[in-house]
Structures are given as C-alpha cells and as structure tokens.
Amino acid sequence: MLRHSGNVFVLSAPSGTGKSTLARQLVKQVGDLNFSVSFTTRQPRAGEVHGRDYFFVDDATFDDMVARDGFVEWVRVYERRYGTGKAWIQEKLESGVDILLDIESQGARRVHQAIPDAVMVFLLPPSSRELAARLRGRGDESEEQVRIRLEYAKHELVQYEGYDYLVVNDTVEQAYRRLESIITATRCRRERMGATARQILDSF
C-alpha cells in the first residue's frame, strides 16, 4: 500500500467519452492538482506529446519496468499496454500533492487496491448512440474499430458500481463543473481538514 498525504482522484470512462479532455481541463484550472502521466506502448496520436499526454515507450522498456515492479498498476487494452509509474506517484503523494489519474476500469481497480482511500470517479457517455458518434468524429477509427470500442465500452460501463461518483458527460461544461465539485468537496472533508481545524482551535 502506498503512503500518501495528498488526495488521489481516479477518473475512468469508456474510450471516446471525453475523460482525457476533462482531465486536462481540471489540471489546468484546479490549483494544486497534478496529472498522472501513464506509460504506454501504443503510438502517439496527432497532437499528443511525450511526457505530457503519455510516456510513449517500446515493449522492451515496458517489460523491464514490469520486472522491476515499477508500476502501481498496468493493463493491456486493444493489444497495447498502459501503466502508472510507481516512483513518480510515490514522490508526489508523499509531498502532499493531489494527483489525478486518467485510467480505464481494470487499472482503476488496481490503484484502489494500492490506495484504498482514492476517490473513484466514472465518466458516463449520454448514450451508446452519442458515444458512437464521438468515436466516428475522431476520424481515425474504422467502423470495425468503432464496433470493438463500443463492445468494450459496454464491458467497462458494467464496472460503475465500483466507483464513488458517477458523472454524465452530456456537455463538457456541465461535466467539468461536476468533477470540480467532487475535488472541492473531497478537499473539505473532515479527515483532510482536521489539522487545520486543530490549528484554528488552538488559536483561541
């Protein structure tokens, strides 16, 4: 189990639901929130940057990290692998920084095992039809790939009961406000604010 004093937020969603867009917006606009950058063996998409969106590595590098127990979690999705680096996460959490992890449901379960008080958030598409339209709108998916992703999306949606919060991404603006509210509420929990309350009490 990882030691930590910062908050850990896990955001999961089926591919195409918009979680990566919302995760970037949260990190940009919410203070003291750091984005956990995953390692992956897949190739970067247009506009993605190594070290910002993902750490893009080859299979040999990924194998070496697995052998050295270098991941909090790792999974295989669509014949590619994704993992959360342990050393970086450990350092940030011990310093009290809040971390946002953008990962799929299998990896999320493993993070929850390592960090039981992680705040688990699942992002839902408004409907299967809307999700299909968003996947086709990317312009880089064949119809066969869209079909496969929709089948996997249904498999992931079944996992929603393992999460603390469910947010429907009907519009980016509304979904963002809901996610921001979850972060704010978590930071104000008694367990997190106890030291501050004691300091104030001691001032009387």
C-alpha atoms as a PDB file:
ATOM      1  CA  MET A   1       0.000   0.000   0.000  1.00  0.00           C
ATOM      2  CA  LEU A   2       1.406   3.408  -0.968  1.00  0.00           C
ATOM      3  CA  ARG A   3       1.949   6.006   1.730  1.00  0.00           C
ATOM      4  CA  HIS A   4       0.478   9.386   0.944  1.00  0.00           C
ATOM      5  CA  SER A   5      -0.895  12.615   2.344  1.00  0.00           C
ATOM      6  CA  GLY A   6      -2.246  14.082  -0.895  1.00  0.00           C
ATOM      7  CA  ASN A   7      -5.639  13.239  -2.375  1.00  0.00           C
ATOM      8  CA  VAL A   8      -5.815  10.689  -5.178  1.00  0.00           C
ATOM      9  CA  PHE A   9      -8.547  11.076  -7.806  1.00  0.00           C
ATOM     10  CA  VAL A  10      -9.137   8.267 -10.308  1.00  0.00           C
ATOM     11  CA  LEU A  11     -11.118   9.124 -13.448  1.00  0.00           C
ATOM     12  CA  SER A  12     -12.284   6.286 -15.700  1.00  0.00           C
ATOM     13  CA  ALA A  13     -14.551   6.142 -18.748  1.00  0.00           C
ATOM     14  CA  PRO A  14     -15.075   4.222 -21.967  1.00  0.00           C
ATOM     15  CA  SER A  15     -12.916   5.386 -24.872  1.00  0.00           C
ATOM     16  CA  GLY A  16     -14.461   8.408 -26.590  1.00  0.00           C
ATOM     17  CA  THR A  17     -16.382   9.647 -23.542  1.00  0.00           C
ATOM     18  CA  GLY A  18     -14.141  12.693 -23.115  1.00  0.00           C
ATOM     19  CA  LYS A  19     -12.209  11.884 -19.958  1.00  0.00           C
ATOM     20  CA  SER A  20      -8.811  12.937 -21.336  1.00  0.00           C
ATOM     21  CA  THR A  21     -10.183  16.337 -22.372  1.00  0.00           C
ATOM     22  CA  LEU A  22     -11.794  16.855 -18.968  1.00  0.00           C
ATOM     23  CA  ALA A  23      -8.725  15.610 -17.099  1.00  0.00           C
ATOM     24  CA  ARG A  24      -6.514  18.159 -18.881  1.00  0.00           C
ATOM     25  CA  GLN A  25      -9.014  20.925 -18.154  1.00  0.00           C
ATOM     26  CA  LEU A  26      -9.130  20.022 -14.453  1.00  0.00           C
ATOM     27  CA  VAL A  27      -5.352  20.040 -14.096  1.00  0.00           C
ATOM     28  CA  LYS A  28      -5.147  23.368 -15.931  1.00  0.00           C
ATOM     29  CA  GLN A  29      -7.841  25.143 -13.921  1.00  0.00           C
ATOM     30  CA  VAL A  30      -7.831  23.494 -10.470  1.00  0.00           C
ATOM     31  CA  GLY A  31      -4.907  24.574  -8.310  1.00  0.00           C
ATOM     32  CA  ASP A  32      -2.546  22.022  -6.742  1.00  0.00           C
ATOM     33  CA  LEU A  33      -3.803  19.169  -8.911  1.00  0.00           C
ATOM     34  CA  ASN A  34      -1.184  17.171 -10.824  1.00  0.00           C
ATOM     35  CA  PHE A  35      -1.928  14.903 -13.765  1.00  0.00           C
ATOM     36  CA  SER A  36      -0.505  11.401 -13.561  1.00  0.00           C
ATOM     37  CA  VAL A  37       1.086  10.656 -16.916  1.00  0.00           C
ATOM     38  CA  SER A  38       0.822   6.975 -17.825  1.00  0.00           C
ATOM     39  CA  PHE A  39       3.331   4.863 -19.712  1.00  0.00           C
ATOM     40  CA  THR A  40       2.043   3.207 -22.880  1.00  0.00           C
ATOM     41  CA  THR A  41       3.335   1.022 -25.696  1.00  0.00           C
ATOM     42  CA  ARG A  42       0.911   2.469 -28.250  1.00  0.00           C
ATOM     43  CA  GLN A  43       1.938   5.050 -30.826  1.00  0.00           C
ATOM     44  CA  PRO A  44       1.074   8.718 -30.165  1.00  0.00           C
ATOM     45  CA  ARG A  45      -1.960  10.200 -31.859  1.00  0.00           C
ATOM     46  CA  ALA A  46      -1.778  13.514 -33.698  1.00  0.00           C
ATOM     47  CA  GLY A  47      -1.024  16.317 -31.256  1.00  0.00           C
ATOM     48  CA  GLU A  48      -0.004  14.077 -28.360  1.00  0.00           C
ATOM     49  CA  VAL A  49       3.306  14.909 -26.670  1.00  0.00           C
ATOM     50  CA  HIS A  50       5.676  12.517 -24.876  1.00  0.00           C
ATOM     51  CA  GLY A  51       5.768  13.328 -21.169  1.00  0.00           C
ATOM     52  CA  ARG A  52       2.593  15.421 -21.292  1.00  0.00           C
ATOM     53  CA  ASP A  53      -0.101  13.058 -22.584  1.00  0.00           C
ATOM     54  CA  TYR A  54       1.761   9.762 -22.073  1.00  0.00           C
ATOM     55  CA  PHE A  55       5.263   8.392 -21.726  1.00  0.00           C
ATOM     56  CA  PHE A  56       5.494   6.510 -25.029  1.00  0.00           C
ATOM     57  CA  VAL A  57       7.838   3.530 -24.638  1.00  0.00           C
ATOM     58  CA  ASP A  58       8.612   0.354 -26.542  1.00  0.00           C
ATOM     59  CA  ASP A  59       7.727  -3.148 -25.376  1.00  0.00           C
ATOM     60  CA  ALA A  60      11.226  -3.870 -24.072  1.00  0.00           C
ATOM     61  CA  THR A  61      11.187  -0.802 -21.807  1.00  0.00           C
ATOM     62  CA  PHE A  62       7.733  -1.678 -20.534  1.00  0.00           C
ATOM     63  CA  ASP A  63       8.816  -5.274 -19.856  1.00  0.00           C
ATOM     64  CA  ASP A  64      11.794  -4.006 -17.849  1.00  0.00           C
ATOM     65  CA  MET A  65       9.572  -1.769 -15.702  1.00  0.00           C
ATOM     66  CA  VAL A  66       7.214  -4.666 -15.020  1.00  0.00           C
ATOM     67  CA  ALA A  67      10.149  -6.856 -13.996  1.00  0.00           C
ATOM     68  CA  ARG A  68      11.412  -4.162 -11.600  1.00  0.00           C
ATOM     69  CA  ASP A  69       7.941  -3.666 -10.036  1.00  0.00           C
ATOM     70  CA  GLY A  70       7.918  -0.167 -11.464  1.00  0.00           C
ATOM     71  CA  PHE A  71       4.147   0.212 -11.800  1.00  0.00           C
ATOM     72  CA  VAL A  72       1.316   0.892  -9.361  1.00  0.00           C
ATOM     73  CA  GLU A  73      -0.799  -0.851 -11.993  1.00  0.00           C
ATOM     74  CA  TRP A  74      -0.600  -1.855 -15.615  1.00  0.00           C
ATOM     75  CA  VAL A  75      -3.046  -3.361 -18.072  1.00  0.00           C
ATOM     76  CA  ARG A  76      -3.340  -4.499 -21.664  1.00  0.00           C
ATOM     77  CA  VAL A  77      -6.015  -2.760 -23.753  1.00  0.00           C
ATOM     78  CA  TYR A  78      -6.540  -3.243 -27.505  1.00  0.00           C
ATOM     79  CA  GLU A  79      -3.202  -5.120 -27.783  1.00  0.00           C
ATOM     80  CA  ARG A  80      -1.326  -2.218 -26.164  1.00  0.00           C
ATOM     81  CA  ARG A  81      -0.198  -1.793 -22.570  1.00  0.00           C
ATOM     82  CA  TYR A  82      -0.689   1.108 -20.180  1.00  0.00           C
ATOM     83  CA  GLY A  83       0.824   1.580 -16.722  1.00  0.00           C
ATOM     84  CA  THR A  84       1.094   4.077 -13.864  1.00  0.00           C
ATOM     85  CA  GLY A  85       4.702   4.612 -12.802  1.00  0.00           C
ATOM     86  CA  LYS A  86       5.239   3.921  -9.111  1.00  0.00           C
ATOM     87  CA  ALA A  87       8.245   6.170  -8.347  1.00  0.00           C
ATOM     88  CA  TRP A  88       6.677   9.384  -9.663  1.00  0.00           C
ATOM     89  CA  ILE A  89       3.335   8.733  -7.964  1.00  0.00           C
ATOM     90  CA  GLN A  90       5.025   7.902  -4.643  1.00  0.00           C
ATOM     91  CA  GLU A  91       7.093  11.092  -4.656  1.00  0.00           C
ATOM     92  CA  LYS A  92       4.125  13.355  -5.411  1.00  0.00           C
ATOM     93  CA  LEU A  93       1.825  11.764  -2.862  1.00  0.00           C
ATOM     94  CA  GLU A  94       4.373  11.874  -0.051  1.00  0.00           C
ATOM     95  CA  SER A  95       4.804  15.613  -0.668  1.00  0.00           C
ATOM     96  CA  GLY A  96       1.072  16.174  -0.153  1.00  0.00           C
ATOM     97  CA  VAL A  97       0.255  16.993  -3.775  1.00  0.00           C
ATOM     98  CA  ASP A  98      -3.129  15.939  -5.202  1.00  0.00           C
ATOM     99  CA  ILE A  99      -2.945  13.514  -8.126  1.00  0.00           C
ATOM    100  CA  LEU A 100      -5.453  12.867 -10.923  1.00  0.00           C
ATOM    101  CA  LEU A 101      -5.219   9.507 -12.693  1.00  0.00           C
ATOM    102  CA  ASP A 102      -6.913   9.088 -16.067  1.00  0.00           C
ATOM    103  CA  ILE A 103      -7.122   5.294 -16.448  1.00  0.00           C
ATOM    104  CA  GLU A 104      -9.510   2.570 -17.550  1.00  0.00           C
ATOM    105  CA  SER A 105     -11.507   0.402 -15.160  1.00  0.00           C
ATOM    106  CA  GLN A 106      -9.081  -2.531 -14.806  1.00  0.00           C
ATOM    107  CA  GLY A 107      -6.233  -0.250 -13.845  1.00  0.00           C
ATOM    108  CA  ALA A 108      -8.528   1.749 -11.585  1.00  0.00           C
ATOM    109  CA  ARG A 109      -9.323  -1.337  -9.522  1.00  0.00           C
ATOM    110  CA  ARG A 110      -5.635  -1.999  -9.005  1.00  0.00           C
ATOM    111  CA  VAL A 111      -4.986   1.594  -7.967  1.00  0.00           C
ATOM    112  CA  HIS A 112      -7.840   1.302  -5.477  1.00  0.00           C
ATOM    113  CA  GLN A 113      -6.204  -1.802  -4.020  1.00  0.00           C
ATOM    114  CA  ALA A 114      -2.907   0.066  -3.577  1.00  0.00           C
ATOM    115  CA  ILE A 115      -4.582   3.290  -2.383  1.00  0.00           C
ATOM    116  CA  PRO A 116      -7.900   2.337  -0.712  1.00  0.00           C
ATOM    117  CA  ASP A 117      -8.995   5.915   0.003  1.00  0.00           C
ATOM    118  CA  ALA A 118      -8.536   7.049  -3.609  1.00  0.00           C
ATOM    119  CA  VAL A 119     -11.629   8.905  -4.831  1.00  0.00           C
ATOM    120  CA  MET A 120     -13.079   6.871  -7.697  1.00  0.00           C
ATOM    121  CA  VAL A 121     -14.984   8.770 -10.418  1.00  0.00           C
ATOM    122  CA  PHE A 122     -16.610   7.212 -13.502  1.00  0.00           C
ATOM    123  CA  LEU A 123     -17.489   9.339 -16.529  1.00  0.00           C
ATOM    124  CA  LEU A 124     -20.528   8.139 -18.496  1.00  0.00           C
ATOM    125  CA  PRO A 125     -21.497   8.922 -22.099  1.00  0.00           C
ATOM    126  CA  PRO A 126     -25.073  10.190 -22.546  1.00  0.00           C
ATOM    127  CA  SER A 127     -25.932   7.111 -24.656  1.00  0.00           C
ATOM    128  CA  SER A 128     -24.409   4.437 -26.880  1.00  0.00           C
ATOM    129  CA  ARG A 129     -25.515   6.382 -29.968  1.00  0.00           C
ATOM    130  CA  GLU A 130     -23.736   9.534 -28.800  1.00  0.00           C
ATOM    131  CA  LEU A 131     -20.592   7.574 -27.929  1.00  0.00           C
ATOM    132  CA  ALA A 132     -20.543   6.003 -31.413  1.00  0.00           C
ATOM    133  CA  ALA A 133     -20.899   9.455 -32.982  1.00  0.00           C
ATOM    134  CA  ARG A 134     -17.985  10.787 -30.932  1.00  0.00           C
ATOM    135  CA  LEU A 135     -15.773   7.846 -31.900  1.00  0.00           C
ATOM    136  CA  ARG A 136     -16.571   8.299 -35.586  1.00  0.00           C
ATOM    137  CA  GLY A 137     -15.980  12.023 -35.225  1.00  0.00           C
ATOM    138  CA  ARG A 138     -12.338  11.431 -34.382  1.00  0.00           C
ATOM    139  CA  GLY A 139     -11.730  10.471 -37.981  1.00  0.00           C
ATOM    140  CA  ASP A 140      -9.053   7.903 -37.114  1.00  0.00           C
ATOM    141  CA  GLU A 141     -11.271   4.890 -36.369  1.00  0.00           C
ATOM    142  CA  SER A 142     -12.543   2.329 -38.885  1.00  0.00           C
ATOM    143  CA  GLU A 143     -16.080   1.005 -38.492  1.00  0.00           C
ATOM    144  CA  GLU A 144     -14.633  -2.243 -37.172  1.00  0.00           C
ATOM    145  CA  GLN A 145     -12.614  -0.324 -34.555  1.00  0.00           C
ATOM    146  CA  VAL A 146     -15.720   1.648 -33.564  1.00  0.00           C
ATOM    147  CA  ARG A 147     -17.648  -1.606 -33.135  1.00  0.00           C
ATOM    148  CA  ILE A 148     -14.885  -3.094 -30.970  1.00  0.00           C
ATOM    149  CA  ARG A 149     -14.671   0.035 -28.828  1.00  0.00           C
ATOM    150  CA  LEU A 150     -18.447   0.080 -28.302  1.00  0.00           C
ATOM    151  CA  GLU A 151     -18.383  -3.547 -27.196  1.00  0.00           C
ATOM    152  CA  TYR A 152     -15.583  -2.793 -24.751  1.00  0.00           C
ATOM    153  CA  ALA A 153     -17.426   0.348 -23.573  1.00  0.00           C
ATOM    154  CA  LYS A 154     -20.386  -1.800 -22.539  1.00  0.00           C
ATOM    155  CA  HIS A 155     -17.990  -4.066 -20.623  1.00  0.00           C
ATOM    156  CA  GLU A 156     -16.484  -1.043 -18.834  1.00  0.00           C
ATOM    157  CA  LEU A 157     -19.861   0.524 -18.034  1.00  0.00           C
ATOM    158  CA  VAL A 158     -20.799  -2.560 -16.027  1.00  0.00           C
ATOM    159  CA  GLN A 159     -17.977  -1.613 -13.627  1.00  0.00           C
ATOM    160  CA  TYR A 160     -19.667   1.621 -12.486  1.00  0.00           C
ATOM    161  CA  GLU A 161     -20.713   0.157  -9.128  1.00  0.00           C
ATOM    162  CA  GLY A 162     -17.072   0.094  -8.040  1.00  0.00           C
ATOM    163  CA  TYR A 163     -16.858   3.907  -8.160  1.00  0.00           C
ATOM    164  CA  ASP A 164     -17.738   6.587  -5.622  1.00  0.00           C
ATOM    165  CA  TYR A 165     -19.091   9.150  -8.091  1.00  0.00           C
ATOM    166  CA  LEU A 166     -20.798   8.928 -11.500  1.00  0.00           C
ATOM    167  CA  VAL A 167     -20.737  11.904 -13.880  1.00  0.00           C
ATOM    168  CA  VAL A 168     -22.519  12.031 -17.257  1.00  0.00           C
ATOM    169  CA  ASN A 169     -20.582  13.948 -19.905  1.00  0.00           C
ATOM    170  CA  ASP A 170     -23.583  15.435 -21.667  1.00  0.00           C
ATOM    171  CA  THR A 171     -21.685  18.685 -22.231  1.00  0.00           C
ATOM    172  CA  VAL A 172     -18.058  19.403 -21.363  1.00  0.00           C
ATOM    173  CA  GLU A 173     -19.020  22.471 -19.327  1.00  0.00           C
ATOM    174  CA  GLN A 174     -21.516  20.655 -17.113  1.00  0.00           C
ATOM    175  CA  ALA A 175     -19.295  17.609 -16.665  1.00  0.00           C
ATOM    176  CA  TYR A 176     -16.359  19.830 -15.723  1.00  0.00           C
ATOM    177  CA  ARG A 177     -18.364  21.651 -13.039  1.00  0.00           C
ATOM    178  CA  ARG A 178     -19.442  18.335 -11.515  1.00  0.00           C
ATOM    179  CA  LEU A 179     -15.902  16.979 -11.467  1.00  0.00           C
ATOM    180  CA  GLU A 180     -14.542  20.189  -9.963  1.00  0.00           C
ATOM    181  CA  SER A 181     -17.203  19.983  -7.244  1.00  0.00           C
ATOM    182  CA  ILE A 182     -16.074  16.462  -6.346  1.00  0.00           C
ATOM    183  CA  ILE A 183     -12.484  17.647  -5.938  1.00  0.00           C
ATOM    184  CA  THR A 184     -13.526  20.639  -3.829  1.00  0.00           C
ATOM    185  CA  ALA A 185     -15.763  18.529  -1.602  1.00  0.00           C
ATOM    186  CA  THR A 186     -13.015  15.939  -1.079  1.00  0.00           C
ATOM    187  CA  ARG A 187     -10.526  18.611  -0.033  1.00  0.00           C
ATOM    188  CA  CYS A 188     -13.013  19.901   2.545  1.00  0.00           C
ATOM    189  CA  ARG A 189     -13.636  16.537   4.215  1.00  0.00           C
ATOM    190  CA  ARG A 190     -13.028  16.433   7.952  1.00  0.00           C
ATOM    191  CA  GLU A 191     -10.321  13.814   7.540  1.00  0.00           C
ATOM    192  CA  ARG A 192      -8.342  16.201   5.330  1.00  0.00           C
ATOM    193  CA  MET A 193      -9.079  19.411   7.212  1.00  0.00           C
ATOM    194  CA  GLY A 194      -8.593  18.090  10.755  1.00  0.00           C
ATOM    195  CA  ALA A 195      -5.097  19.588  11.190  1.00  0.00           C
ATOM    196  CA  THR A 196      -6.301  23.000  10.018  1.00  0.00           C
ATOM    197  CA  ALA A 197      -9.270  22.857  12.400  1.00  0.00           C
ATOM    198  CA  ARG A 198      -6.971  21.996  15.305  1.00  0.00           C
ATOM    199  CA  GLN A 199      -4.673  24.923  14.499  1.00  0.00           C
ATOM    200  CA  ILE A 200      -7.638  27.290  14.492  1.00  0.00           C
ATOM    201  CA  LEU A 201      -8.919  25.814  17.748  1.00  0.00           C
ATOM    202  CA  ASP A 202      -5.502  26.282  19.366  1.00  0.00           C
ATOM    203  CA  SER A 203      -5.590  29.973  18.460  1.00  0.00           C
ATOM    204  CA  PHE A 204      -8.454  30.595  20.891  1.00  0.00           C
END
